[in-house]
Amino acid sequence: MPEFLVFDTKAIETDLSHVTLPGLDFSSAERLNYLHGVKKEIKAELSDPSDWFVKEMAVRVHSAQRITSQLQEKFKPIVIDAIKAYINDRINEGPSTAMQVEKSAAEAPVVE
């Protein structure tokens, strides 16, 4: 085996504090990981709402005691249109409002 492929694992230092960003502790890294995952799920729901999401919206706004699959099918285009309308409304509110939302999200407490 070539010498450059041989290394002593005991010599590897386990303290990684020298490669982390200042102020970025494990909980912040974990928060960023969850933030990324949630953003991915939100993007998926906004692109193509799941049956669960459509049903949840129907339960919240429809007066029916039971949400049938037929009602869910009728509601899906409504949910898609509502998502598009909400996004357009947010865009039309202007950059200053969007920046306020980002600021409040950044100040949100860390969930552990």
C-alpha atoms as a PDB file:
ATOM      1  CA  MET A   1       0.000   0.000   0.000  1.00  0.00           C
ATOM      2  CA  PRO A   2       1.390   3.428  -0.901  1.00  0.00           C
ATOM      3  CA  GLU A   3       2.555   5.506   2.056  1.00  0.00           C
ATOM      4  CA  PHE A   4       0.221   8.399   1.305  1.00  0.00           C
ATOM      5  CA  LEU A   5      -2.782   6.079   1.892  1.00  0.00           C
ATOM      6  CA  VAL A   6      -1.591   4.985   5.323  1.00  0.00           C
ATOM      7  CA  PHE A   7      -2.578   7.174   8.229  1.00  0.00           C
ATOM      8  CA  ASP A   8      -2.918   6.833  11.953  1.00  0.00           C
ATOM      9  CA  THR A   9      -6.548   7.299  13.002  1.00  0.00           C
ATOM     10  CA  LYS A  10      -5.476   8.051  16.585  1.00  0.00           C
ATOM     11  CA  ALA A  11      -3.611  11.068  15.300  1.00  0.00           C
ATOM     12  CA  ILE A  12      -6.799  12.615  13.901  1.00  0.00           C
ATOM     13  CA  GLU A  13      -7.983  15.297  16.253  1.00  0.00           C
ATOM     14  CA  THR A  14     -11.688  15.059  17.094  1.00  0.00           C
ATOM     15  CA  ASP A  15     -12.019  18.696  18.150  1.00  0.00           C
ATOM     16  CA  LEU A  16     -13.518  20.494  15.161  1.00  0.00           C
ATOM     17  CA  SER A  17     -13.876  23.882  16.847  1.00  0.00           C
ATOM     18  CA  HIS A  18     -11.218  25.316  14.554  1.00  0.00           C
ATOM     19  CA  VAL A  19     -13.336  24.606  11.449  1.00  0.00           C
ATOM     20  CA  THR A  20     -16.683  25.894  12.703  1.00  0.00           C
ATOM     21  CA  LEU A  21     -17.980  29.381  12.160  1.00  0.00           C
ATOM     22  CA  PRO A  22     -17.924  31.692  15.167  1.00  0.00           C
ATOM     23  CA  GLY A  23     -21.272  31.686  16.954  1.00  0.00           C
ATOM     24  CA  LEU A  24     -22.490  28.574  15.127  1.00  0.00           C
ATOM     25  CA  ASP A  25     -23.119  25.986  17.781  1.00  0.00           C
ATOM     26  CA  PHE A  26     -24.654  22.557  17.332  1.00  0.00           C
ATOM     27  CA  SER A  27     -28.177  23.777  17.979  1.00  0.00           C
ATOM     28  CA  SER A  28     -27.787  26.415  15.269  1.00  0.00           C
ATOM     29  CA  ALA A  29     -26.494  23.837  12.818  1.00  0.00           C
ATOM     30  CA  GLU A  30     -29.335  21.530  13.733  1.00  0.00           C
ATOM     31  CA  ARG A  31     -31.789  24.406  13.306  1.00  0.00           C
ATOM     32  CA  LEU A  32     -30.396  25.129   9.843  1.00  0.00           C
ATOM     33  CA  ASN A  33     -30.796  21.467   8.946  1.00  0.00           C
ATOM     34  CA  TYR A  34     -34.436  21.464  10.049  1.00  0.00           C
ATOM     35  CA  LEU A  35     -35.021  24.807   8.348  1.00  0.00           C
ATOM     36  CA  HIS A  36     -33.764  23.345   5.078  1.00  0.00           C
ATOM     37  CA  GLY A  37     -36.002  20.294   5.483  1.00  0.00           C
ATOM     38  CA  VAL A  38     -39.098  22.339   6.263  1.00  0.00           C
ATOM     39  CA  LYS A  39     -38.452  24.679   3.331  1.00  0.00           C
ATOM     40  CA  LYS A  40     -38.180  21.644   1.067  1.00  0.00           C
ATOM     41  CA  GLU A  41     -41.515  20.305   2.341  1.00  0.00           C
ATOM     42  CA  ILE A  42     -43.209  23.701   1.956  1.00  0.00           C
ATOM     43  CA  LYS A  43     -41.922  23.935  -1.606  1.00  0.00           C
ATOM     44  CA  ALA A  44     -43.342  20.476  -2.343  1.00  0.00           C
ATOM     45  CA  GLU A  45     -46.729  21.394  -0.836  1.00  0.00           C
ATOM     46  CA  LEU A  46     -46.855  24.656  -2.762  1.00  0.00           C
ATOM     47  CA  SER A  47     -45.918  22.975  -6.033  1.00  0.00           C
ATOM     48  CA  ASP A  48     -48.295  20.026  -5.749  1.00  0.00           C
ATOM     49  CA  PRO A  49     -50.409  19.994  -2.586  1.00  0.00           C
ATOM     50  CA  SER A  50     -50.641  16.586  -0.959  1.00  0.00           C
ATOM     51  CA  ASP A  51     -53.976  14.921  -0.224  1.00  0.00           C
ATOM     52  CA  TRP A  52     -53.343  15.568   3.459  1.00  0.00           C
ATOM     53  CA  PHE A  53     -52.825  19.300   2.868  1.00  0.00           C
ATOM     54  CA  VAL A  54     -55.916  19.593   0.649  1.00  0.00           C
ATOM     55  CA  LYS A  55     -57.994  17.710   3.208  1.00  0.00           C
ATOM     56  CA  GLU A  56     -56.661  19.874   6.045  1.00  0.00           C
ATOM     57  CA  MET A  57     -57.601  23.057   4.173  1.00  0.00           C
ATOM     58  CA  ALA A  58     -61.048  21.657   3.352  1.00  0.00           C
ATOM     59  CA  VAL A  59     -61.643  20.734   7.002  1.00  0.00           C
ATOM     60  CA  ARG A  60     -60.731  24.261   8.053  1.00  0.00           C
ATOM     61  CA  VAL A  61     -62.970  26.123   5.587  1.00  0.00           C
ATOM     62  CA  HIS A  62     -65.767  23.760   4.513  1.00  0.00           C
ATOM     63  CA  SER A  63     -68.835  23.131   6.635  1.00  0.00           C
ATOM     64  CA  ALA A  64     -69.101  19.423   5.789  1.00  0.00           C
ATOM     65  CA  GLN A  65     -68.800  17.099   8.762  1.00  0.00           C
ATOM     66  CA  ARG A  66     -66.857  14.587   6.679  1.00  0.00           C
ATOM     67  CA  ILE A  67     -64.461  15.346   3.844  1.00  0.00           C
ATOM     68  CA  THR A  68     -65.037  12.750   1.141  1.00  0.00           C
ATOM     69  CA  SER A  69     -62.610  11.923  -1.632  1.00  0.00           C
ATOM     70  CA  GLN A  70     -64.958  13.625  -4.117  1.00  0.00           C
ATOM     71  CA  LEU A  71     -64.918  16.816  -2.047  1.00  0.00           C
ATOM     72  CA  GLN A  72     -61.147  16.575  -1.779  1.00  0.00           C
ATOM     73  CA  GLU A  73     -60.873  16.319  -5.580  1.00  0.00           C
ATOM     74  CA  LYS A  74     -63.044  19.425  -5.966  1.00  0.00           C
ATOM     75  CA  PHE A  75     -60.977  21.264  -3.373  1.00  0.00           C
ATOM     76  CA  LYS A  76     -57.522  20.569  -4.858  1.00  0.00           C
ATOM     77  CA  PRO A  77     -57.794  23.195  -7.650  1.00  0.00           C
ATOM     78  CA  ILE A  78     -59.147  25.673  -5.098  1.00  0.00           C
ATOM     79  CA  VAL A  79     -56.160  25.078  -2.826  1.00  0.00           C
ATOM     80  CA  ILE A  80     -53.753  25.432  -5.766  1.00  0.00           C
ATOM     81  CA  ASP A  81     -55.407  28.711  -6.804  1.00  0.00           C
ATOM     82  CA  ALA A  82     -55.360  29.960  -3.202  1.00  0.00           C
ATOM     83  CA  ILE A  83     -51.626  29.210  -2.940  1.00  0.00           C
ATOM     84  CA  LYS A  84     -50.941  31.111  -6.157  1.00  0.00           C
ATOM     85  CA  ALA A  85     -53.112  34.029  -5.022  1.00  0.00           C
ATOM     86  CA  TYR A  86     -51.375  34.169  -1.640  1.00  0.00           C
ATOM     87  CA  ILE A  87     -47.930  34.186  -3.259  1.00  0.00           C
ATOM     88  CA  ASN A  88     -49.020  36.954  -5.650  1.00  0.00           C
ATOM     89  CA  ASP A  89     -50.422  38.969  -2.736  1.00  0.00           C
ATOM     90  CA  ARG A  90     -47.124  38.617  -0.876  1.00  0.00           C
ATOM     91  CA  ILE A  91     -45.173  39.710  -3.946  1.00  0.00           C
ATOM     92  CA  ASN A  92     -47.442  42.720  -4.429  1.00  0.00           C
ATOM     93  CA  GLU A  93     -47.023  43.814  -0.805  1.00  0.00           C
ATOM     94  CA  GLY A  94     -43.503  44.907  -1.658  1.00  0.00           C
ATOM     95  CA  PRO A  95     -39.962  44.192  -0.558  1.00  0.00           C
ATOM     96  CA  SER A  96     -40.208  46.061   2.740  1.00  0.00           C
ATOM     97  CA  THR A  97     -42.895  43.703   4.029  1.00  0.00           C
ATOM     98  CA  ALA A  98     -40.915  40.682   2.866  1.00  0.00           C
ATOM     99  CA  MET A  99     -37.865  41.941   4.732  1.00  0.00           C
ATOM    100  CA  GLN A 100     -39.937  42.357   7.914  1.00  0.00           C
ATOM    101  CA  VAL A 101     -41.086  38.739   7.616  1.00  0.00           C
ATOM    102  CA  GLU A 102     -37.490  37.534   7.123  1.00  0.00           C
ATOM    103  CA  LYS A 103     -36.354  39.572  10.130  1.00  0.00           C
ATOM    104  CA  SER A 104     -39.061  38.115  12.376  1.00  0.00           C
ATOM    105  CA  ALA A 105     -38.226  34.586  11.148  1.00  0.00           C
ATOM    106  CA  ALA A 106     -34.562  35.142  11.981  1.00  0.00           C
ATOM    107  CA  GLU A 107     -35.521  36.275  15.480  1.00  0.00           C
ATOM    108  CA  ALA A 108     -37.725  33.229  16.094  1.00  0.00           C
ATOM    109  CA  PRO A 109     -36.707  31.097  19.083  1.00  0.00           C
ATOM    110  CA  VAL A 110     -34.585  28.015  18.448  1.00  0.00           C
ATOM    111  CA  VAL A 111     -36.584  24.781  18.737  1.00  0.00           C
ATOM    112  CA  GLU A 112     -34.619  22.062  20.466  1.00  0.00           C
END
